[in-house]
Amino acid sequence: MAHTADPAALAGYALIVTFCIEMTMRHRYLEVTFRNGKPLAAYLYLPRNPGDASVRTVSQGDGLLIDFAADGRAIGIEITAPSRVSLETLNRALAAVNQDPATADELSPLVAA
């Protein structure tokens, strides 16, 4: 049996989803991609505004690439060699873009893998 969605209900759902996405982007978080049980790549999302997109990427060395929005704010750090990144290395990159240092807990998904 096919169901038709009430457009008003869908609009409310879209609003809730948008609100949740906007809320989660106010805090940084780490996303890790695994292959065969090992971390292949990781991305540290930094606080960003809705609609922000990377317009420039700068290599920080040590397998770290920093993405910047059009207004010059850093919006994320790609970790291309997650098994080799250290907390010290990541914190140097964060300091370079005026972000608070990461904690060992934030990197724990990379260590656990």
Protein backbone atom coordinates (compact mmCIF):
# COMPACT_ATOMS: atom_id res chain seq x y z
CA MET A 1 0.00 0.00 0.00
CA ALA A 2 1.42 3.39 -0.99
CA HIS A 3 1.38 6.27 1.47
CA THR A 4 1.25 9.92 0.57
CA ALA A 5 3.18 12.25 2.80
CA ASP A 6 1.55 15.34 4.15
CA PRO A 7 3.64 18.29 2.76
CA ALA A 8 3.16 20.20 6.01
CA ALA A 9 4.58 17.27 7.98
CA LEU A 10 7.55 17.01 5.62
CA ALA A 11 8.28 20.72 5.96
CA GLY A 12 8.39 20.30 9.73
CA TYR A 13 10.70 17.31 9.35
CA ALA A 14 13.04 19.26 7.09
CA LEU A 15 13.12 22.07 9.64
CA ILE A 16 14.04 19.63 12.41
CA VAL A 17 16.78 18.04 10.29
CA THR A 18 18.18 21.45 9.34
CA PHE A 19 18.13 22.57 12.96
CA CYS A 20 19.96 19.40 14.07
CA ILE A 21 22.59 19.81 11.38
CA GLU A 22 23.15 23.44 12.33
CA MET A 23 23.50 22.51 15.99
CA THR A 24 26.02 19.73 15.38
CA MET A 25 28.23 21.98 13.27
CA ARG A 26 28.80 24.38 16.17
CA HIS A 27 31.13 21.87 17.82
CA ARG A 28 34.01 20.01 16.29
CA TYR A 29 33.91 16.28 15.85
CA LEU A 30 36.07 13.57 14.29
CA GLU A 31 34.89 11.31 11.48
CA VAL A 32 37.03 8.26 10.68
CA THR A 33 36.88 6.07 7.56
CA PHE A 34 38.02 2.48 8.03
CA ARG A 35 39.18 -0.17 5.55
CA ASN A 36 39.74 -3.73 6.72
CA GLY A 37 39.42 -2.58 10.32
CA LYS A 38 42.14 0.05 10.06
CA PRO A 39 41.73 3.84 9.82
CA LEU A 40 42.18 4.92 6.20
CA ALA A 41 41.40 8.63 6.57
CA ALA A 42 39.86 10.99 9.08
CA TYR A 43 38.32 14.45 9.07
CA LEU A 44 38.10 16.79 12.03
CA TYR A 45 35.09 19.01 11.43
CA LEU A 46 35.57 22.44 12.97
CA PRO A 47 32.72 24.80 13.91
CA ARG A 48 31.08 26.11 10.77
CA ASN A 49 28.12 28.11 9.57
CA PRO A 50 25.29 26.61 7.55
CA GLY A 51 26.27 26.61 3.90
CA ASP A 52 30.01 26.83 4.53
CA ALA A 53 32.07 25.04 1.91
CA SER A 54 35.77 24.64 1.41
CA VAL A 55 37.16 27.10 -1.11
CA ARG A 56 40.83 26.63 -0.28
CA THR A 57 42.94 23.81 1.16
CA VAL A 58 46.39 24.28 2.69
CA SER A 59 48.83 21.50 3.56
CA GLN A 60 49.99 21.74 7.16
CA GLY A 61 52.47 18.89 6.67
CA ASP A 62 52.48 15.54 8.45
CA GLY A 63 49.45 14.41 6.43
CA LEU A 64 47.18 17.26 7.56
CA LEU A 65 45.19 19.37 5.09
CA ILE A 66 43.24 22.37 6.40
CA ASP A 67 40.06 23.46 4.61
CA PHE A 68 39.03 27.12 4.66
CA ALA A 69 35.67 28.81 3.99
CA ALA A 70 35.33 31.83 1.69
CA ASP A 71 35.72 34.22 4.65
CA GLY A 72 39.06 32.65 5.65
CA ARG A 73 37.87 30.58 8.62
CA ALA A 74 39.21 27.05 8.97
CA ILE A 75 36.27 24.63 8.75
CA GLY A 76 38.02 21.28 8.89
CA ILE A 77 41.23 19.29 8.95
CA GLU A 78 41.69 16.24 6.77
CA ILE A 79 43.96 13.63 8.31
CA THR A 80 45.37 11.63 5.40
CA ALA A 81 47.55 9.33 7.52
CA PRO A 82 45.49 8.75 10.68
CA SER A 83 47.68 5.95 12.01
CA ARG A 84 50.65 8.35 12.11
CA VAL A 85 49.05 11.53 13.47
CA SER A 86 49.93 12.54 17.01
CA LEU A 87 48.04 14.77 19.40
CA GLU A 88 50.97 17.19 19.35
CA THR A 89 50.94 17.42 15.53
CA LEU A 90 47.19 17.95 15.40
CA ASN A 91 47.36 20.59 18.14
CA ARG A 92 50.01 22.52 16.19
CA ALA A 93 47.63 22.61 13.21
CA LEU A 94 44.73 23.68 15.45
CA ALA A 95 46.84 26.45 17.00
CA ALA A 96 47.77 27.68 13.50
CA VAL A 97 44.06 28.32 12.81
CA ASN A 98 43.22 29.73 16.25
CA GLN A 99 41.35 26.67 17.54
CA ASP A 100 41.50 25.20 21.02
CA PRO A 101 43.78 22.18 21.40
CA ALA A 102 42.34 18.70 20.97
CA THR A 103 42.25 16.23 23.83
CA ALA A 104 43.38 12.63 23.83
CA ASP A 105 39.68 11.66 24.10
CA GLU A 106 38.94 13.41 20.80
CA LEU A 107 41.57 11.30 19.04
CA SER A 108 40.63 8.07 20.80
CA PRO A 109 38.76 6.66 17.75
CA LEU A 110 42.09 6.66 15.87
CA VAL A 111 43.94 4.98 18.73
CA ALA A 112 41.21 2.41 19.31
CA ALA A 113 41.40 1.27 15.71
